[in-house]
N, C-alpha and C. Protein backbone atom coordinates (compact mmCIF):
# COMPACT_ATOMS: atom_id res chain seq x y z
N UNK A 1 78.29 80.43 88.18
CA UNK A 1 78.74 79.53 89.82
C UNK A 1 80.27 79.30 89.29
N UNK A 2 80.06 78.71 88.30
CA UNK A 2 81.89 77.98 88.23
C UNK A 2 82.84 79.11 88.52
N UNK A 3 82.77 80.27 88.61
CA UNK A 3 84.05 81.12 88.24
C UNK A 3 83.94 81.22 90.34
N UNK A 4 82.51 81.89 90.54
CA UNK A 4 82.65 81.51 92.54
C UNK A 4 83.30 80.71 93.01
N UNK A 5 83.04 79.21 92.63
CA UNK A 5 83.29 77.94 93.17
C UNK A 5 84.53 78.04 92.77
N UNK A 6 85.50 78.51 91.57
CA UNK A 6 86.99 78.83 91.50
C UNK A 6 87.81 79.71 92.24
N UNK A 7 86.86 80.73 93.17
CA UNK A 7 87.72 81.19 93.37
C UNK A 7 87.52 80.94 94.88
N UNK A 8 86.32 80.50 95.33
CA UNK A 8 86.03 79.56 96.84
C UNK A 8 87.39 78.81 97.31
N UNK A 9 87.74 77.87 96.04
CA UNK A 9 88.80 76.96 95.89
C UNK A 9 90.00 77.84 96.21
N UNK A 10 90.40 78.84 95.53
CA UNK A 10 91.65 79.44 95.46
C UNK A 10 92.12 80.32 97.01
N UNK A 11 90.73 80.68 97.85
CA UNK A 11 90.82 81.32 98.96
C UNK A 11 90.69 80.21 100.09
N UNK A 12 90.31 79.16 99.67
CA UNK A 12 90.64 78.26 100.81
C UNK A 12 92.48 77.74 100.68
N UNK A 13 92.68 77.32 99.37
CA UNK A 13 94.17 77.07 99.37
C UNK A 13 95.22 78.15 100.18
N UNK A 14 94.66 79.24 99.49
CA UNK A 14 95.40 80.45 100.19
C UNK A 14 95.27 80.44 101.59
N UNK A 15 94.64 80.75 102.66
CA UNK A 15 94.07 81.18 103.66
C UNK A 15 94.18 80.07 104.50
N UNK A 16 93.53 78.81 104.27
CA UNK A 16 93.57 77.68 104.95
C UNK A 16 94.60 76.65 104.82
N UNK A 17 95.72 76.47 103.65
CA UNK A 17 96.09 75.62 103.26
C UNK A 17 97.33 76.70 103.45
N UNK A 18 97.60 77.59 103.21
CA UNK A 18 98.92 78.40 103.47
C UNK A 18 99.76 78.02 102.08
N UNK A 19 98.89 77.89 101.00
CA UNK A 19 99.27 78.38 99.66
C UNK A 19 99.48 79.63 99.16
N UNK A 20 100.68 79.97 98.37
CA UNK A 20 100.97 81.18 97.75
C UNK A 20 99.87 80.88 96.21
N UNK A 21 99.46 81.83 96.35
CA UNK A 21 98.29 81.53 94.89
C UNK A 21 99.08 83.15 94.02
N UNK A 22 99.41 82.87 92.54
CA UNK A 22 99.81 84.07 92.08
C UNK A 22 98.67 84.18 90.95
N UNK A 23 98.02 85.16 90.56
CA UNK A 23 96.91 85.33 89.71
C UNK A 23 96.98 86.28 88.47
N UNK A 24 96.92 85.85 87.92
CA UNK A 24 97.18 87.30 86.47
C UNK A 24 95.37 87.51 86.11
N UNK A 25 94.86 88.78 85.92
CA UNK A 25 93.97 89.25 85.26
C UNK A 25 93.48 90.39 85.05
N UNK A 26 92.96 91.06 84.03
CA UNK A 26 92.48 92.22 84.10
C UNK A 26 91.07 92.33 84.34
N UNK A 27 90.44 91.56 85.01
CA UNK A 27 88.97 91.93 85.58
C UNK A 27 89.29 92.49 86.78
N UNK A 28 88.77 93.42 87.32
CA UNK A 28 89.39 94.58 88.72
C UNK A 28 88.55 93.61 89.57
N UNK A 29 87.28 93.17 89.32
CA UNK A 29 86.60 92.52 90.23
C UNK A 29 86.92 91.32 90.59
N UNK A 30 87.78 90.43 90.01
CA UNK A 30 88.61 89.23 90.39
C UNK A 30 90.31 89.89 91.37
N UNK A 31 90.34 90.83 90.84
CA UNK A 31 91.23 91.54 91.43
C UNK A 31 91.22 91.84 93.04
N UNK A 32 89.75 92.47 93.06
CA UNK A 32 89.90 92.84 94.68
C UNK A 32 89.64 91.65 95.12
N UNK A 33 89.46 90.68 95.35
CA UNK A 33 89.67 88.98 96.06
C UNK A 33 90.77 88.77 96.34
N UNK A 34 91.69 89.51 95.77
CA UNK A 34 93.00 89.40 96.58
C UNK A 34 93.31 89.76 97.88
N UNK A 35 94.61 89.49 98.64
CA UNK A 35 94.74 89.75 99.67
C UNK A 35 96.09 90.89 99.33
N UNK A 36 96.85 90.80 98.41
CA UNK A 36 97.94 92.06 97.97
C UNK A 36 98.11 91.96 96.44
N UNK A 37 98.00 93.03 95.17
CA UNK A 37 97.93 93.21 94.36
C UNK A 37 99.29 94.08 93.81
N UNK A 38 99.68 93.51 92.73
CA UNK A 38 100.97 94.46 91.97
C UNK A 38 100.26 94.86 90.23
N UNK A 39 100.08 96.10 90.58
CA UNK A 39 99.65 97.05 89.47
C UNK A 39 100.21 96.96 88.22
N UNK A 40 99.96 96.36 86.81
CA UNK A 40 101.30 96.30 85.92
C UNK A 40 100.39 97.26 84.70
N UNK A 41 101.38 97.82 84.04
CA UNK A 41 100.94 98.18 82.51
C UNK A 41 102.26 98.19 81.77
N UNK A 42 102.00 97.45 80.52
CA UNK A 42 103.29 97.58 79.60
C UNK A 42 104.32 97.05 80.33
N UNK A 43 104.43 95.70 81.03
CA UNK A 43 105.38 94.97 81.69
C UNK A 43 106.01 96.01 82.82
N UNK A 44 105.64 97.08 83.16
CA UNK A 44 106.19 97.68 84.34
C UNK A 44 104.88 97.56 85.51
N UNK A 45 106.00 97.76 87.22
CA UNK A 45 105.22 97.38 87.96
C UNK A 45 104.94 98.88 88.18
N UNK A 46 103.52 98.74 88.58
CA UNK A 46 103.03 100.62 88.90
C UNK A 46 102.81 100.77 90.28
N UNK A 47 102.53 99.95 91.11
CA UNK A 47 102.09 99.79 92.22
C UNK A 47 101.85 98.59 93.05
N UNK A 48 102.42 98.33 94.19
CA UNK A 48 102.02 97.20 95.04
C UNK A 48 101.01 97.81 96.10
N UNK A 49 100.21 96.89 96.35
CA UNK A 49 99.64 97.58 97.69
C UNK A 49 98.10 96.14 97.74
N UNK A 50 97.48 96.35 98.88
CA UNK A 50 96.22 95.86 98.99
C UNK A 50 95.33 96.44 98.22
N UNK A 51 94.04 95.74 97.95
CA UNK A 51 93.23 96.55 96.78
C UNK A 51 92.81 97.86 97.56
N UNK A 52 92.48 97.65 98.94
CA UNK A 52 92.01 98.86 99.70
C UNK A 52 93.20 100.24 99.78
N UNK A 53 94.06 99.48 99.90
CA UNK A 53 95.55 100.50 100.00
C UNK A 53 95.72 101.54 98.52
N UNK A 54 95.45 100.52 97.71
CA UNK A 54 95.92 101.06 96.07
C UNK A 54 94.77 102.02 95.56
N UNK A 55 93.50 101.69 96.25
CA UNK A 55 92.56 102.78 96.05
C UNK A 55 92.81 103.97 97.00
N UNK A 56 92.97 103.88 98.31
CA UNK A 56 93.00 104.94 99.22
C UNK A 56 94.21 105.89 98.19
N UNK A 57 95.75 105.37 97.77
CA UNK A 57 96.83 105.98 97.64
C UNK A 57 96.41 106.72 96.11
N UNK A 58 95.39 105.77 95.49
CA UNK A 58 95.17 106.77 93.99
C UNK A 58 93.96 107.86 94.28
N UNK A 59 93.72 107.59 95.64
CA UNK A 59 92.45 108.80 95.85
C UNK A 59 91.10 108.27 94.78
N UNK A 60 91.08 107.16 94.78
CA UNK A 60 90.00 106.82 93.60
C UNK A 60 88.85 106.12 94.48
N UNK A 61 87.54 106.07 93.66
CA UNK A 61 86.50 105.47 94.23
C UNK A 61 86.44 103.59 94.30
N UNK A 62 87.18 103.27 93.30
CA UNK A 62 86.99 101.85 93.10
C UNK A 62 88.75 101.18 92.24
N UNK A 63 88.75 100.01 91.97
CA UNK A 63 90.20 99.46 91.73
C UNK A 63 90.60 99.96 90.08
N UNK A 64 89.28 99.79 89.56
CA UNK A 64 89.70 100.47 88.40
C UNK A 64 89.92 101.73 87.83
N UNK A 65 89.42 102.83 88.65
CA UNK A 65 89.89 104.15 88.74
C UNK A 65 91.01 104.22 89.21
N UNK A 66 91.58 103.74 89.99
CA UNK A 66 93.07 103.60 90.75
C UNK A 66 94.14 103.21 89.73
N UNK A 67 93.65 102.15 89.19
CA UNK A 67 94.18 101.51 87.89
C UNK A 67 94.54 102.40 87.05
N UNK A 68 93.54 102.98 86.44
CA UNK A 68 93.70 104.10 85.44
C UNK A 68 94.35 105.42 85.43
N UNK A 69 94.59 106.10 87.21
CA UNK A 69 95.00 106.75 87.43
C UNK A 69 96.72 106.56 87.61
N UNK A 70 96.63 105.05 87.75
CA UNK A 70 98.22 104.79 88.21
C UNK A 70 98.77 104.59 86.81
N UNK A 71 98.27 104.20 85.81
CA UNK A 71 98.57 104.15 84.17
C UNK A 71 98.90 105.46 83.42
N UNK A 72 97.97 106.29 83.86
CA UNK A 72 97.95 107.63 83.46
C UNK A 72 99.00 108.28 83.88
N UNK A 73 99.67 108.36 85.17
CA UNK A 73 100.58 108.63 85.74
C UNK A 73 102.39 108.25 85.19
N UNK A 74 102.04 106.40 84.63
CA UNK A 74 103.33 106.05 83.92
C UNK A 74 103.15 106.57 82.81
N UNK A 75 102.20 107.03 82.00
CA UNK A 75 102.36 107.50 80.55
C UNK A 75 102.55 108.82 80.62
N UNK A 76 102.88 109.43 81.47
CA UNK A 76 103.34 110.74 81.91
C UNK A 76 104.84 111.02 81.75
N UNK A 77 105.46 109.78 82.36
CA UNK A 77 106.54 109.84 82.60
C UNK A 77 107.43 109.48 81.48
């Protein structure tokens, strides 16, 4: 319950009060609540887009699969 209340408060600050909120998380269910994401691995930005945009660009079923795909592509370089 506390986690949901926290995210509700962040949403109010961002959308209702116009406050920019930067969040760092490794939980993809939390990241999906954000308007725009930067996926990072080993200190490098792999991709920036909306959650749906990242999933679509990676041709993935969900954000976790998208991240794994971006990270695998980064490792191959």
